[in-house]
Amino acid sequence: MRQLKNEYTELKKQYAPTPIKNMTHHPLFGYVIISLILIVIQLLFISGSDLIPLNVTQAIMQTMIYIVAGMGVGLLLFMAGLMSFATGAFIGLGTYLAALIMKNFMVPYVVILAFVIVVGIVAGILVGFVSLRVKGIHLLIITLALATVMSTMYALPNSFTGGPNGISKVPFPELAMLFKTNRDTMYFVVLAIMFVLVVITLNIINSPMGRAMLAMSNSESLAQAMGVNLLKYRVLAFVISTVYSLLAGVLYVSYMQSSIYATWSSSLAMNILIAACLGGTANPAGVMAGSFVVFTIDYAFLKNLAFFQKYPQASLFFNGILIIIIIAKYPGGLIRLLGSIKYGVKALFAKRRVYKYGPEN
């Protein structure tokens, strides 16, 4: 008996996962690698390297900001089964609120973020309660109308949004009144906030709240039968999405130092929604993949080509064709495509191993 126990212990030690294997299987491992790559890109740009031009870092920066809003849209769409066209308008609201505070008050950046989160909670509750009365296409129409109303109000002459001219010369924020940021260092601040929100999003997806939203998305009647409070989780879904959108607005104006009403139209909300759908999952990895295709490729590469500079709408045509091809072939989005590629590579190595060493006994 003791001999069998010793043999079992030896086998357990032999086949136990190594620390490196445990690390690579951690849910955050891929996001840490992506973050390190983004840090290296910015450091190369700051060092004056010709490998990373300005337009690439700006494209990555804007993509990270839209990933923050996209994660909220992904949770709203894939977890709760709801859609909204008001994302762009709420990002705009976040830019104006942050600009108002940064231009008139000397407060730490964390205070600005906390204030915007509170506003986002209140706005999300209001929109969430409205959503209780309607669903499906009617909810989309209501959120589209809300986005139109908000965009129109931004364009009216007023001191809050600056009217048609927008707002400009917004100072860079201070971190806890100790460190004054600039355009280069704000890149790292945005990256850090995005990473924190990735962790929060993953926890929401794997929490009882996420499972309740998913049940509500699949079947509201079945979810109610299981004891899921539709009122609570519908409102929560809109609160989370709205808070993420307003935070994206704060990050945008902190980096760009300006905001104009034309940016916050329903077309931006449509692009963020397309990025989430292209990713194919509520998981932040899907939103990142979709946002890279929709925003980074367009901002960093297509707009620098002479053809796309002459015909700006051609980039929309390119993105549209790419999205149709990917979604038609892989309804699960880019995540499913990447999963198929990963499976194909593993199968190829397995065949090579069998060819070289023969089949395992």
Protein backbone atom coordinates (compact mmCIF):
# COMPACT_ATOMS: atom_id res chain seq x y z
CA MET A 1 0.00 0.00 0.00
CA ARG A 2 2.81 2.32 0.94
CA GLN A 3 4.55 1.51 -2.36
CA LEU A 4 1.42 2.43 -4.35
CA LYS A 5 1.16 5.67 -2.40
CA ASN A 6 4.77 6.53 -3.15
CA GLU A 7 4.28 5.74 -6.84
CA TYR A 8 1.20 7.95 -6.91
CA THR A 9 3.15 10.77 -5.28
CA GLU A 10 5.94 10.46 -7.83
CA LEU A 11 3.48 10.43 -10.74
CA LYS A 12 1.70 13.46 -9.29
CA LYS A 13 4.98 15.35 -9.08
CA GLN A 14 5.95 14.26 -12.59
CA TYR A 15 2.73 15.39 -14.27
CA ALA A 16 1.95 18.37 -12.04
CA PRO A 17 1.71 21.65 -13.96
CA THR A 18 4.89 23.71 -13.83
CA PRO A 19 4.78 27.27 -12.43
CA ILE A 20 5.27 28.62 -15.94
CA LYS A 21 2.36 26.54 -17.23
CA ASN A 22 0.17 27.74 -14.36
CA MET A 23 1.12 31.32 -15.18
CA THR A 24 0.33 31.00 -18.89
CA HIS A 25 -3.09 29.54 -18.09
CA HIS A 26 -4.02 32.46 -15.83
CA PRO A 27 -6.99 34.46 -17.23
CA LEU A 28 -4.98 37.69 -17.10
CA PHE A 29 -1.81 36.34 -18.72
CA GLY A 30 -2.76 37.39 -22.26
CA TYR A 31 -3.82 40.86 -21.12
CA VAL A 32 -0.52 41.34 -19.27
CA ILE A 33 1.39 40.42 -22.43
CA ILE A 34 -0.71 42.85 -24.51
CA SER A 35 -0.13 45.59 -21.93
CA LEU A 36 3.62 45.00 -21.97
CA ILE A 37 3.63 45.21 -25.79
CA LEU A 38 1.71 48.50 -25.65
CA ILE A 39 4.15 49.85 -23.05
CA VAL A 40 7.12 48.94 -25.23
CA ILE A 41 5.50 50.66 -28.23
CA GLN A 42 5.07 53.89 -26.27
CA LEU A 43 8.58 53.74 -24.82
CA LEU A 44 10.00 53.33 -28.32
CA PHE A 45 8.00 56.36 -29.46
CA ILE A 46 9.14 58.48 -26.49
CA SER A 47 12.77 57.49 -27.10
CA GLY A 48 12.52 58.97 -30.61
CA SER A 49 12.67 55.69 -32.50
CA ASP A 50 11.58 55.85 -36.13
CA LEU A 51 9.92 52.44 -35.76
CA ILE A 52 6.83 53.94 -34.09
CA PRO A 53 5.42 57.08 -35.75
CA LEU A 54 3.09 59.51 -33.98
CA ASN A 55 -0.04 58.38 -35.81
CA VAL A 56 0.41 54.79 -34.58
CA THR A 57 0.58 55.80 -30.91
CA GLN A 58 -2.40 58.13 -31.36
CA ALA A 59 -4.36 55.34 -33.04
CA ILE A 60 -3.52 52.92 -30.24
CA MET A 61 -4.47 55.54 -27.66
CA GLN A 62 -7.88 56.19 -29.20
CA THR A 63 -8.43 52.45 -29.61
CA MET A 64 -7.75 51.87 -25.90
CA ILE A 65 -10.29 54.58 -25.04
CA TYR A 66 -12.93 53.00 -27.27
CA ILE A 67 -12.09 49.56 -25.82
CA VAL A 68 -13.15 50.93 -22.42
CA ALA A 69 -16.55 51.92 -23.85
CA GLY A 70 -16.67 48.71 -25.91
CA MET A 71 -16.35 46.51 -22.82
CA GLY A 72 -19.50 48.12 -21.44
CA VAL A 73 -21.27 47.57 -24.75
CA GLY A 74 -20.09 43.95 -24.79
CA LEU A 75 -21.52 43.31 -21.35
CA LEU A 76 -24.77 45.00 -22.33
CA LEU A 77 -25.07 43.09 -25.60
CA PHE A 78 -23.71 39.60 -24.92
CA MET A 79 -24.49 39.24 -21.22
CA ALA A 80 -27.81 41.10 -20.86
CA GLY A 81 -29.04 40.82 -24.46
CA LEU A 82 -29.62 44.58 -24.77
CA MET A 83 -28.36 47.16 -27.27
CA SER A 84 -27.92 50.90 -27.14
CA PHE A 85 -27.04 53.62 -29.63
CA ALA A 86 -26.40 56.18 -26.87
CA THR A 87 -22.81 55.09 -26.18
CA GLY A 88 -21.26 57.89 -28.23
CA ALA A 89 -23.46 60.53 -26.58
CA PHE A 90 -22.47 59.33 -23.12
CA ILE A 91 -18.77 59.38 -24.06
CA GLY A 92 -19.33 63.00 -25.08
CA LEU A 93 -21.00 63.73 -21.74
CA GLY A 94 -17.96 62.31 -19.98
CA THR A 95 -15.63 64.59 -21.98
CA TYR A 96 -17.64 67.72 -21.12
CA LEU A 97 -17.94 66.88 -17.42
CA ALA A 98 -14.21 66.15 -17.12
CA ALA A 99 -13.30 69.29 -19.10
CA LEU A 100 -15.51 71.45 -16.87
CA ILE A 101 -13.79 70.17 -13.74
CA MET A 102 -10.22 70.27 -15.09
CA LYS A 103 -10.59 73.82 -16.42
CA ASN A 104 -12.12 75.26 -13.25
CA PHE A 105 -10.94 73.17 -10.31
CA MET A 106 -7.59 71.83 -9.17
CA VAL A 107 -8.59 68.38 -7.98
CA PRO A 108 -6.86 64.98 -8.20
CA TYR A 109 -7.67 62.85 -11.21
CA VAL A 110 -9.22 60.17 -9.02
CA VAL A 111 -11.82 62.71 -7.82
CA ILE A 112 -12.79 63.43 -11.42
CA LEU A 113 -13.15 59.71 -12.14
CA ALA A 114 -15.23 59.21 -8.98
CA PHE A 115 -17.55 62.11 -9.86
CA VAL A 116 -18.07 60.83 -13.39
CA ILE A 117 -18.79 57.32 -12.07
CA VAL A 118 -21.53 58.75 -9.83
CA VAL A 119 -23.04 60.63 -12.78
CA GLY A 120 -22.83 57.46 -14.87
CA ILE A 121 -24.67 55.46 -12.20
CA VAL A 122 -27.49 58.02 -12.09
CA ALA A 123 -27.75 58.20 -15.91
CA GLY A 124 -27.61 54.41 -16.21
CA ILE A 125 -30.44 54.01 -13.70
CA LEU A 126 -32.61 56.45 -15.67
CA VAL A 127 -31.96 54.71 -18.99
CA GLY A 128 -32.36 51.31 -17.34
CA PHE A 129 -35.79 52.16 -15.99
CA VAL A 130 -36.86 53.39 -19.41
CA SER A 131 -35.69 50.09 -20.91
CA LEU A 132 -38.09 48.18 -18.66
CA ARG A 133 -41.01 49.37 -20.73
CA VAL A 134 -39.63 48.37 -24.13
CA LYS A 135 -37.21 45.88 -25.67
CA GLY A 136 -35.82 44.83 -29.02
CA ILE A 137 -36.06 47.30 -31.88
CA HIS A 138 -38.10 49.73 -29.78
CA LEU A 139 -35.27 49.99 -27.25
CA LEU A 140 -32.83 50.73 -30.07
CA ILE A 141 -35.11 53.49 -31.36
CA ILE A 142 -35.39 55.04 -27.90
CA THR A 143 -31.61 55.01 -27.33
CA LEU A 144 -31.08 56.40 -30.84
CA ALA A 145 -33.53 59.21 -30.05
CA LEU A 146 -31.72 59.84 -26.76
CA ALA A 147 -28.38 60.03 -28.58
CA THR A 148 -29.85 62.47 -31.12
CA VAL A 149 -31.27 64.70 -28.39
CA MET A 150 -27.98 64.72 -26.46
CA SER A 151 -25.92 65.44 -29.60
CA THR A 152 -28.26 68.29 -30.52
CA MET A 153 -27.93 69.76 -27.04
CA TYR A 154 -24.14 69.58 -27.32
CA ALA A 155 -24.32 71.59 -30.56
CA LEU A 156 -26.45 74.40 -29.08
CA PRO A 157 -24.53 77.53 -28.00
CA ASN A 158 -23.74 77.11 -24.30
CA SER A 159 -20.84 77.43 -21.92
CA PHE A 160 -20.89 73.74 -20.90
CA THR A 161 -20.11 72.18 -24.30
CA GLY A 162 -18.89 75.25 -26.19
CA GLY A 163 -21.62 74.82 -28.79
CA PRO A 164 -20.57 74.20 -32.40
CA ASN A 165 -16.97 75.14 -31.65
CA GLY A 166 -16.66 72.62 -28.84
CA ILE A 167 -14.15 72.94 -26.02
CA SER A 168 -10.38 73.13 -26.30
CA LYS A 169 -7.23 73.85 -24.30
CA VAL A 170 -8.26 71.46 -21.55
CA PRO A 171 -5.29 71.10 -19.18
CA PHE A 172 -3.74 67.72 -18.59
CA PRO A 173 -4.89 66.23 -15.30
CA GLU A 174 -2.81 65.92 -12.16
CA LEU A 175 -2.45 62.58 -10.43
CA ALA A 176 -3.21 63.18 -6.75
CA MET A 177 -1.79 66.72 -7.10
CA LEU A 178 1.71 65.25 -7.14
CA PHE A 179 2.45 64.41 -10.74
CA LYS A 180 1.53 66.57 -13.71
CA THR A 181 0.78 64.47 -16.75
CA ASN A 182 1.37 65.23 -20.43
CA ARG A 183 0.39 63.62 -23.71
CA ASP A 184 3.06 60.93 -23.42
CA THR A 185 2.40 59.96 -19.80
CA MET A 186 -1.39 59.98 -20.27
CA TYR A 187 -0.85 56.97 -22.54
CA PHE A 188 0.27 54.94 -19.51
CA VAL A 189 -2.59 56.29 -17.36
CA VAL A 190 -5.16 55.22 -19.95
CA LEU A 191 -3.49 51.83 -20.29
CA ALA A 192 -3.55 51.32 -16.51
CA ILE A 193 -7.23 52.27 -16.25
CA MET A 194 -8.09 50.02 -19.19
CA PHE A 195 -6.30 47.10 -17.51
CA VAL A 196 -8.17 47.69 -14.23
CA LEU A 197 -11.48 47.72 -16.12
CA VAL A 198 -10.48 44.48 -17.90
CA VAL A 199 -10.04 42.84 -14.49
CA ILE A 200 -13.39 44.22 -13.31
CA THR A 201 -15.11 43.05 -16.50
CA LEU A 202 -13.72 39.52 -16.17
CA ASN A 203 -14.94 39.38 -12.59
CA ILE A 204 -18.40 40.59 -13.62
CA ILE A 205 -18.63 37.92 -16.33
CA ASN A 206 -17.69 35.14 -13.90
CA SER A 207 -19.79 36.44 -11.00
CA PRO A 208 -23.37 35.47 -10.05
CA MET A 209 -24.44 38.83 -11.49
CA GLY A 210 -22.94 37.90 -14.87
CA ARG A 211 -24.63 34.51 -14.85
CA ALA A 212 -27.96 36.13 -13.97
CA MET A 213 -27.58 38.57 -16.89
CA LEU A 214 -26.73 35.70 -19.21
CA ALA A 215 -29.83 33.80 -18.10
CA MET A 216 -31.90 36.93 -18.71
CA SER A 217 -30.39 37.25 -22.18
CA ASN A 218 -31.24 33.67 -23.13
CA SER A 219 -34.81 33.68 -21.84
CA GLU A 220 -36.44 36.30 -19.64
CA SER A 221 -39.32 34.02 -18.64
CA LEU A 222 -36.94 31.20 -17.70
CA ALA A 223 -34.73 33.63 -15.81
CA GLN A 224 -37.73 34.86 -13.84
CA ALA A 225 -38.69 31.27 -13.06
CA MET A 226 -35.16 30.77 -11.67
CA GLY A 227 -35.57 33.80 -9.40
CA VAL A 228 -33.65 36.38 -11.47
CA ASN A 229 -34.88 39.92 -10.83
CA LEU A 230 -35.21 41.41 -14.32
CA LEU A 231 -35.61 44.95 -12.98
CA LYS A 232 -32.39 44.73 -11.01
CA TYR A 233 -30.20 43.22 -13.71
CA ARG A 234 -31.53 45.28 -16.62
CA VAL A 235 -30.78 48.45 -14.68
CA LEU A 236 -27.38 47.09 -13.61
CA ALA A 237 -26.46 46.31 -17.21
CA PHE A 238 -27.21 49.87 -18.31
CA VAL A 239 -25.43 51.33 -15.28
CA ILE A 240 -22.24 49.40 -16.06
CA SER A 241 -22.35 50.31 -19.75
CA THR A 242 -23.02 53.99 -19.03
CA VAL A 243 -20.25 54.22 -16.42
CA TYR A 244 -17.76 52.67 -18.87
CA SER A 245 -18.82 55.15 -21.57
CA LEU A 246 -18.40 58.17 -19.31
CA LEU A 247 -14.99 56.93 -18.17
CA ALA A 248 -13.98 56.60 -21.82
CA GLY A 249 -15.02 60.25 -22.26
CA VAL A 250 -12.83 61.33 -19.35
CA LEU A 251 -9.85 59.49 -20.82
CA TYR A 252 -10.51 60.99 -24.27
CA VAL A 253 -10.52 64.62 -23.16
CA SER A 254 -7.58 64.01 -20.82
CA TYR A 255 -5.50 62.96 -23.82
CA MET A 256 -6.92 65.01 -26.69
CA GLN A 257 -7.50 68.18 -24.60
CA SER A 258 -10.56 68.99 -26.69
CA SER A 259 -14.05 67.79 -27.53
CA ILE A 260 -16.50 68.70 -30.28
CA TYR A 261 -20.12 67.66 -30.61
CA ALA A 262 -19.77 66.14 -34.10
CA THR A 263 -17.56 63.37 -32.70
CA TRP A 264 -20.28 62.04 -30.39
CA SER A 265 -22.86 61.08 -32.96
CA SER A 266 -24.67 57.77 -33.26
CA SER A 267 -22.12 56.70 -35.90
CA LEU A 268 -19.47 56.40 -33.18
CA ALA A 269 -21.87 54.28 -31.12
CA MET A 270 -22.44 52.16 -34.22
CA ASN A 271 -18.68 51.65 -34.73
CA ILE A 272 -18.20 50.62 -31.08
CA LEU A 273 -21.15 48.25 -31.38
CA ILE A 274 -19.66 46.81 -34.58
CA ALA A 275 -16.31 46.33 -32.82
CA ALA A 276 -18.03 44.42 -30.01
CA CYS A 277 -20.00 42.28 -32.49
CA LEU A 278 -16.86 41.66 -34.53
CA GLY A 279 -15.10 40.41 -31.41
CA GLY A 280 -18.04 38.08 -30.85
CA THR A 281 -18.00 37.87 -27.07
CA ALA A 282 -18.43 39.86 -23.86
CA ASN A 283 -14.87 38.86 -22.97
CA PRO A 284 -12.52 41.89 -23.18
CA ALA A 285 -10.32 39.94 -25.59
CA GLY A 286 -13.10 39.99 -28.18
CA VAL A 287 -13.68 43.72 -27.74
CA MET A 288 -9.94 44.36 -28.11
CA ALA A 289 -9.70 42.30 -31.29
CA GLY A 290 -12.74 43.99 -32.84
CA SER A 291 -11.59 47.48 -31.83
CA PHE A 292 -8.17 46.85 -33.36
CA VAL A 293 -9.79 46.03 -36.70
CA VAL A 294 -12.34 48.85 -36.64
CA PHE A 295 -10.24 51.67 -35.16
CA THR A 296 -6.50 50.99 -35.13
CA ILE A 297 -6.18 49.81 -38.73
CA ASP A 298 -8.26 52.77 -39.91
CA TYR A 299 -6.51 55.48 -37.85
CA ALA A 300 -2.95 54.18 -38.10
CA PHE A 301 -2.73 52.82 -41.64
CA LEU A 302 -5.67 53.42 -43.98
CA LYS A 303 -5.90 57.17 -43.39
CA ASN A 304 -2.23 57.55 -44.31
CA LEU A 305 -2.68 56.02 -47.75
CA ALA A 306 -3.20 58.45 -50.63
CA PHE A 307 -6.26 56.58 -51.91
CA PHE A 308 -8.04 56.69 -48.55
CA GLN A 309 -7.06 60.34 -48.06
CA LYS A 310 -8.66 61.16 -51.40
CA TYR A 311 -11.72 59.01 -50.67
CA PRO A 312 -12.24 59.05 -46.87
CA GLN A 313 -15.43 56.99 -47.08
CA ALA A 314 -13.49 54.14 -48.67
CA SER A 315 -12.18 53.14 -45.23
CA LEU A 316 -15.78 52.54 -44.15
CA PHE A 317 -16.27 50.39 -47.23
CA PHE A 318 -13.11 48.42 -46.40
CA ASN A 319 -14.20 47.87 -42.79
CA GLY A 320 -17.70 46.90 -43.89
CA ILE A 321 -16.47 44.26 -46.33
CA LEU A 322 -14.04 42.88 -43.74
CA ILE A 323 -16.79 42.67 -41.11
CA ILE A 324 -19.19 40.94 -43.51
CA ILE A 325 -16.56 38.34 -44.45
CA ILE A 326 -15.56 37.59 -40.87
CA ILE A 327 -19.06 37.44 -39.39
CA ALA A 328 -20.45 35.47 -42.36
CA LYS A 329 -17.67 32.87 -42.09
CA TYR A 330 -17.33 32.94 -38.30
CA PRO A 331 -20.58 34.00 -36.56
CA GLY A 332 -18.70 33.79 -33.27
CA GLY A 333 -16.50 36.70 -34.38
CA LEU A 334 -12.75 37.14 -34.28
CA ILE A 335 -12.43 35.16 -31.06
CA ARG A 336 -13.81 32.09 -32.81
CA LEU A 337 -11.50 32.72 -35.78
CA LEU A 338 -8.46 33.00 -33.52
CA GLY A 339 -9.59 29.87 -31.68
CA SER A 340 -9.80 27.97 -34.97
CA ILE A 341 -6.30 29.14 -35.91
CA LYS A 342 -4.97 28.05 -32.51
CA TYR A 343 -6.64 24.63 -32.86
CA GLY A 344 -5.23 24.25 -36.38
CA VAL A 345 -1.69 25.03 -35.20
CA LYS A 346 -1.98 22.51 -32.36
CA ALA A 347 -3.31 19.85 -34.75
CA LEU A 348 -0.41 20.53 -37.12
CA PHE A 349 2.16 20.06 -34.35
CA ALA A 350 0.37 16.91 -33.18
CA LYS A 351 0.56 15.42 -36.69
CA ARG A 352 4.24 16.33 -36.91
CA ARG A 353 4.91 14.66 -33.55
CA VAL A 354 3.10 11.47 -34.64
CA TYR A 355 5.01 11.46 -37.95
CA LYS A 356 8.35 11.89 -36.19
CA TYR A 357 7.90 9.65 -33.13
CA GLY A 358 5.00 7.41 -34.12
CA PRO A 359 1.63 7.02 -32.38
CA GLU A 360 1.55 6.96 -28.59
CA ASN A 361 0.79 3.66 -26.87
